[in-house]
Amino acid sequence: MADEKALIPIEEQTVDFYGDKITTALVDVDGRTMMYVPIKPISDYLGLAWSGQFERIQRDRILSEVAQLIRITRIKSDSESAATRTFALNSMRRSSSF
């Protein structure tokens, strides 16, 4: 993961997550549009420690392979963007580790 490059979204959308807003990213991957969901906000909203979740993802054979860096705009910092660890929405449905 150290030399991994962040993907650039073609579009960002805000979705409702049980009353909280999460920015998702639509990314073109080999001609298919995939929706990626940032992991940290979900971890925070569920009251889970991000550091522990990140370590768990790193150790998990499947989750470590599907976690992807995406460059998502930070709303609070005047449209700056930062690489954010994400899962493709379809990979979240397949895994119960998170």
N, C-alpha and C. Protein backbone atom coordinates (compact mmCIF):
# COMPACT_ATOMS: atom_id res chain seq x y z
N MET A 1 0.80 -1.20 0.00
CA MET A 1 0.00 0.00 0.00
C MET A 1 0.85 1.26 0.00
N ALA A 2 2.11 1.19 0.38
CA ALA A 2 2.92 2.38 0.54
C ALA A 2 3.10 3.17 -0.75
N ASP A 3 3.30 2.50 -1.88
CA ASP A 3 3.51 3.20 -3.13
C ASP A 3 2.25 3.24 -4.00
N GLU A 4 1.12 3.05 -3.38
CA GLU A 4 -0.17 3.08 -4.06
C GLU A 4 -0.54 4.52 -4.41
N LYS A 5 -1.09 4.72 -5.61
CA LYS A 5 -1.52 6.05 -6.03
C LYS A 5 -3.02 6.17 -5.88
N ALA A 6 -3.46 7.34 -5.46
CA ALA A 6 -4.89 7.58 -5.25
C ALA A 6 -5.59 7.72 -6.60
N LEU A 7 -6.77 7.13 -6.71
CA LEU A 7 -7.61 7.30 -7.89
C LEU A 7 -8.31 8.65 -7.80
N ILE A 8 -8.61 9.23 -8.95
CA ILE A 8 -9.30 10.51 -9.00
C ILE A 8 -10.75 10.26 -9.39
N PRO A 9 -11.71 10.73 -8.58
CA PRO A 9 -13.12 10.49 -8.90
C PRO A 9 -13.58 11.30 -10.11
N ILE A 10 -14.55 10.72 -10.84
CA ILE A 10 -15.18 11.46 -11.93
C ILE A 10 -16.33 12.30 -11.40
N GLU A 11 -16.81 11.92 -10.21
CA GLU A 11 -17.90 12.66 -9.57
C GLU A 11 -17.93 12.29 -8.09
N GLU A 12 -18.32 13.25 -7.27
CA GLU A 12 -18.52 13.00 -5.85
C GLU A 12 -19.99 13.22 -5.53
N GLN A 13 -20.53 12.40 -4.65
CA GLN A 13 -21.92 12.52 -4.23
C GLN A 13 -21.98 12.42 -2.72
N THR A 14 -22.94 13.13 -2.14
CA THR A 14 -23.17 13.01 -0.71
C THR A 14 -24.38 12.13 -0.51
N VAL A 15 -24.23 11.12 0.34
CA VAL A 15 -25.33 10.20 0.62
C VAL A 15 -25.64 10.24 2.11
N ASP A 16 -26.86 9.87 2.44
CA ASP A 16 -27.31 9.82 3.82
C ASP A 16 -26.93 8.47 4.41
N PHE A 17 -26.27 8.49 5.56
CA PHE A 17 -25.92 7.27 6.29
C PHE A 17 -26.56 7.37 7.67
N TYR A 18 -27.79 6.90 7.76
CA TYR A 18 -28.54 6.93 9.01
C TYR A 18 -28.56 8.33 9.63
N GLY A 19 -28.82 9.34 8.80
CA GLY A 19 -28.93 10.72 9.28
C GLY A 19 -27.64 11.52 9.20
N ASP A 20 -26.53 10.88 8.90
CA ASP A 20 -25.26 11.57 8.72
C ASP A 20 -24.92 11.60 7.24
N LYS A 21 -24.17 12.60 6.82
CA LYS A 21 -23.79 12.74 5.41
C LYS A 21 -22.39 12.18 5.18
N ILE A 22 -22.25 11.36 4.14
CA ILE A 22 -20.95 10.81 3.74
C ILE A 22 -20.74 11.13 2.27
N THR A 23 -19.55 11.63 1.94
CA THR A 23 -19.20 11.89 0.55
C THR A 23 -18.70 10.60 -0.07
N THR A 24 -19.30 10.20 -1.18
CA THR A 24 -18.86 9.02 -1.92
C THR A 24 -18.20 9.48 -3.21
N ALA A 25 -17.46 8.61 -3.83
CA ALA A 25 -16.76 8.95 -5.07
C ALA A 25 -17.10 7.93 -6.15
N LEU A 26 -17.48 8.43 -7.31
CA LEU A 26 -17.66 7.58 -8.48
C LEU A 26 -16.35 7.60 -9.25
N VAL A 27 -15.82 6.42 -9.54
CA VAL A 27 -14.51 6.29 -10.18
C VAL A 27 -14.64 5.34 -11.36
N ASP A 28 -13.98 5.70 -12.46
CA ASP A 28 -13.93 4.80 -13.61
C ASP A 28 -12.81 3.79 -13.39
N VAL A 29 -13.19 2.51 -13.35
CA VAL A 29 -12.22 1.43 -13.16
C VAL A 29 -12.39 0.47 -14.33
N ASP A 30 -11.43 0.50 -15.25
CA ASP A 30 -11.45 -0.38 -16.42
C ASP A 30 -12.77 -0.28 -17.19
N GLY A 31 -13.26 0.95 -17.38
CA GLY A 31 -14.48 1.17 -18.16
C GLY A 31 -15.77 0.97 -17.39
N ARG A 32 -15.68 0.65 -16.10
CA ARG A 32 -16.88 0.50 -15.27
C ARG A 32 -16.89 1.60 -14.23
N THR A 33 -18.06 2.18 -13.98
CA THR A 33 -18.18 3.19 -12.94
C THR A 33 -18.46 2.49 -11.62
N MET A 34 -17.57 2.73 -10.65
CA MET A 34 -17.68 2.11 -9.33
C MET A 34 -17.88 3.20 -8.29
N MET A 35 -18.71 2.94 -7.28
CA MET A 35 -18.89 3.87 -6.18
C MET A 35 -18.01 3.42 -5.02
N TYR A 36 -17.21 4.35 -4.52
CA TYR A 36 -16.33 4.10 -3.39
C TYR A 36 -16.82 4.89 -2.18
N VAL A 37 -16.75 4.26 -1.01
CA VAL A 37 -17.24 4.84 0.23
C VAL A 37 -16.06 4.98 1.19
N PRO A 38 -15.82 6.19 1.72
CA PRO A 38 -14.74 6.36 2.69
C PRO A 38 -15.01 5.53 3.95
N ILE A 39 -13.99 4.90 4.47
CA ILE A 39 -14.14 4.01 5.60
C ILE A 39 -14.15 4.77 6.93
N LYS A 40 -13.29 5.77 7.08
CA LYS A 40 -13.16 6.45 8.37
C LYS A 40 -14.47 7.08 8.84
N PRO A 41 -15.22 7.82 8.01
CA PRO A 41 -16.48 8.39 8.52
C PRO A 41 -17.45 7.32 9.02
N ILE A 42 -17.52 6.20 8.34
CA ILE A 42 -18.42 5.13 8.80
C ILE A 42 -17.93 4.60 10.14
N SER A 43 -16.63 4.40 10.26
CA SER A 43 -16.05 3.95 11.52
C SER A 43 -16.39 4.94 12.64
N ASP A 44 -16.22 6.24 12.34
CA ASP A 44 -16.52 7.28 13.34
C ASP A 44 -17.99 7.28 13.72
N TYR A 45 -18.88 7.21 12.74
CA TYR A 45 -20.32 7.23 13.01
C TYR A 45 -20.75 6.02 13.83
N LEU A 46 -20.06 4.90 13.66
CA LEU A 46 -20.40 3.70 14.43
C LEU A 46 -19.73 3.67 15.79
N GLY A 47 -18.93 4.70 16.09
CA GLY A 47 -18.26 4.78 17.38
C GLY A 47 -17.06 3.86 17.50
N LEU A 48 -16.47 3.47 16.37
CA LEU A 48 -15.31 2.58 16.37
C LEU A 48 -14.03 3.41 16.23
N ALA A 49 -12.98 2.98 16.86
CA ALA A 49 -11.70 3.68 16.74
C ALA A 49 -11.12 3.44 15.35
N TRP A 50 -10.83 4.52 14.63
CA TRP A 50 -10.32 4.40 13.26
C TRP A 50 -9.00 3.63 13.24
N SER A 51 -8.12 3.90 14.19
CA SER A 51 -6.81 3.22 14.17
C SER A 51 -6.97 1.70 14.25
N GLY A 52 -7.88 1.25 15.11
CA GLY A 52 -8.13 -0.18 15.22
C GLY A 52 -8.74 -0.76 13.96
N GLN A 53 -9.66 -0.02 13.35
CA GLN A 53 -10.28 -0.50 12.12
C GLN A 53 -9.25 -0.56 10.98
N PHE A 54 -8.39 0.47 10.91
CA PHE A 54 -7.37 0.49 9.88
C PHE A 54 -6.42 -0.70 10.04
N GLU A 55 -6.01 -0.99 11.27
CA GLU A 55 -5.13 -2.14 11.51
C GLU A 55 -5.84 -3.45 11.13
N ARG A 56 -7.12 -3.56 11.46
CA ARG A 56 -7.88 -4.76 11.12
C ARG A 56 -7.94 -4.93 9.60
N ILE A 57 -8.16 -3.83 8.88
CA ILE A 57 -8.20 -3.89 7.41
C ILE A 57 -6.85 -4.33 6.87
N GLN A 58 -5.76 -3.80 7.42
CA GLN A 58 -4.41 -4.16 6.96
C GLN A 58 -4.13 -5.65 7.15
N ARG A 59 -4.64 -6.24 8.25
CA ARG A 59 -4.39 -7.66 8.55
C ARG A 59 -5.28 -8.59 7.74
N ASP A 60 -6.46 -8.13 7.34
CA ASP A 60 -7.41 -8.99 6.65
C ASP A 60 -6.99 -9.18 5.19
N ARG A 61 -6.88 -10.43 4.77
CA ARG A 61 -6.42 -10.75 3.42
C ARG A 61 -7.30 -10.11 2.35
N ILE A 62 -8.60 -10.18 2.49
CA ILE A 62 -9.52 -9.66 1.48
C ILE A 62 -9.65 -8.14 1.57
N LEU A 63 -9.90 -7.63 2.78
CA LEU A 63 -10.09 -6.19 2.93
C LEU A 63 -8.86 -5.40 2.52
N SER A 64 -7.67 -5.92 2.83
CA SER A 64 -6.45 -5.20 2.46
C SER A 64 -6.29 -5.12 0.94
N GLU A 65 -6.85 -6.08 0.22
CA GLU A 65 -6.77 -6.06 -1.25
C GLU A 65 -7.79 -5.11 -1.88
N VAL A 66 -8.97 -4.96 -1.25
CA VAL A 66 -10.01 -4.14 -1.87
C VAL A 66 -10.01 -2.70 -1.38
N ALA A 67 -9.31 -2.40 -0.28
CA ALA A 67 -9.22 -1.01 0.18
C ALA A 67 -8.44 -0.22 -0.87
N GLN A 68 -8.93 0.96 -1.19
CA GLN A 68 -8.36 1.77 -2.26
C GLN A 68 -8.25 3.22 -1.82
N LEU A 69 -7.16 3.89 -2.18
CA LEU A 69 -7.06 5.33 -1.94
C LEU A 69 -7.79 6.07 -3.05
N ILE A 70 -8.63 7.02 -2.66
CA ILE A 70 -9.36 7.88 -3.59
C ILE A 70 -9.13 9.31 -3.15
N ARG A 71 -8.93 10.21 -4.08
CA ARG A 71 -8.75 11.62 -3.76
C ARG A 71 -10.14 12.26 -3.68
N ILE A 72 -10.57 12.62 -2.46
CA ILE A 72 -11.89 13.18 -2.22
C ILE A 72 -11.75 14.60 -1.68
N THR A 73 -12.59 15.51 -2.16
CA THR A 73 -12.56 16.90 -1.73
C THR A 73 -12.96 17.00 -0.27
N ARG A 74 -12.21 17.79 0.46
CA ARG A 74 -12.55 18.06 1.87
C ARG A 74 -13.46 19.28 1.91
N ILE A 75 -14.67 19.10 2.35
CA ILE A 75 -15.63 20.18 2.37
C ILE A 75 -15.21 21.29 3.33
N LYS A 76 -14.67 20.95 4.48
CA LYS A 76 -14.34 21.94 5.51
C LYS A 76 -13.08 22.74 5.22
N SER A 77 -12.31 22.37 4.23
CA SER A 77 -11.04 23.06 4.01
C SER A 77 -10.96 23.68 2.62
N ASP A 78 -12.02 24.36 2.22
CA ASP A 78 -12.04 25.13 0.98
C ASP A 78 -11.63 24.34 -0.25
N SER A 79 -12.27 23.22 -0.45
CA SER A 79 -12.11 22.40 -1.65
C SER A 79 -10.73 21.79 -1.83
N GLU A 80 -9.95 21.67 -0.78
CA GLU A 80 -8.72 20.89 -0.88
C GLU A 80 -9.11 19.43 -1.03
N SER A 81 -8.22 18.65 -1.56
CA SER A 81 -8.51 17.22 -1.64
C SER A 81 -7.43 16.44 -0.92
N ALA A 82 -7.81 15.28 -0.43
CA ALA A 82 -6.87 14.43 0.28
C ALA A 82 -7.16 12.99 -0.08
N ALA A 83 -6.13 12.17 -0.09
CA ALA A 83 -6.33 10.75 -0.35
C ALA A 83 -6.99 10.12 0.86
N THR A 84 -8.04 9.39 0.63
CA THR A 84 -8.85 8.79 1.67
C THR A 84 -8.98 7.30 1.41
N ARG A 85 -8.81 6.48 2.45
CA ARG A 85 -8.96 5.03 2.30
C ARG A 85 -10.44 4.72 2.12
N THR A 86 -10.77 3.94 1.09
CA THR A 86 -12.16 3.65 0.75
C THR A 86 -12.34 2.17 0.41
N PHE A 87 -13.60 1.75 0.38
CA PHE A 87 -13.99 0.45 -0.16
C PHE A 87 -14.96 0.72 -1.29
N ALA A 88 -14.89 -0.10 -2.33
CA ALA A 88 -15.95 -0.08 -3.34
C ALA A 88 -17.21 -0.58 -2.67
N LEU A 89 -18.34 0.03 -3.00
CA LEU A 89 -19.59 -0.33 -2.35
C LEU A 89 -19.87 -1.82 -2.45
N ASN A 90 -19.60 -2.43 -3.61
CA ASN A 90 -19.88 -3.87 -3.75
C ASN A 90 -18.96 -4.72 -2.87
N SER A 91 -17.76 -4.26 -2.53
CA SER A 91 -16.88 -5.05 -1.65
C SER A 91 -17.36 -4.98 -0.21
N MET A 92 -18.03 -3.90 0.18
CA MET A 92 -18.55 -3.80 1.55
C MET A 92 -19.68 -4.80 1.77
N ARG A 93 -20.43 -5.08 0.74
CA ARG A 93 -21.53 -6.03 0.86
C ARG A 93 -21.03 -7.46 1.03
N ARG A 94 -19.83 -7.75 0.47
CA ARG A 94 -19.31 -9.12 0.51
C ARG A 94 -18.59 -9.43 1.80
N SER A 95 -18.15 -8.43 2.53
CA SER A 95 -17.33 -8.69 3.72
C SER A 95 -18.10 -8.36 4.99
N SER A 96 -17.97 -9.23 5.96
CA SER A 96 -18.59 -8.95 7.25
C SER A 96 -17.53 -8.59 8.29
N SER A 97 -16.28 -8.41 7.85
CA SER A 97 -15.18 -8.13 8.79
C SER A 97 -15.24 -6.72 9.34
N PHE A 98 -15.89 -5.80 8.65
CA PHE A 98 -15.89 -4.40 9.08
C PHE A 98 -17.09 -4.11 9.93
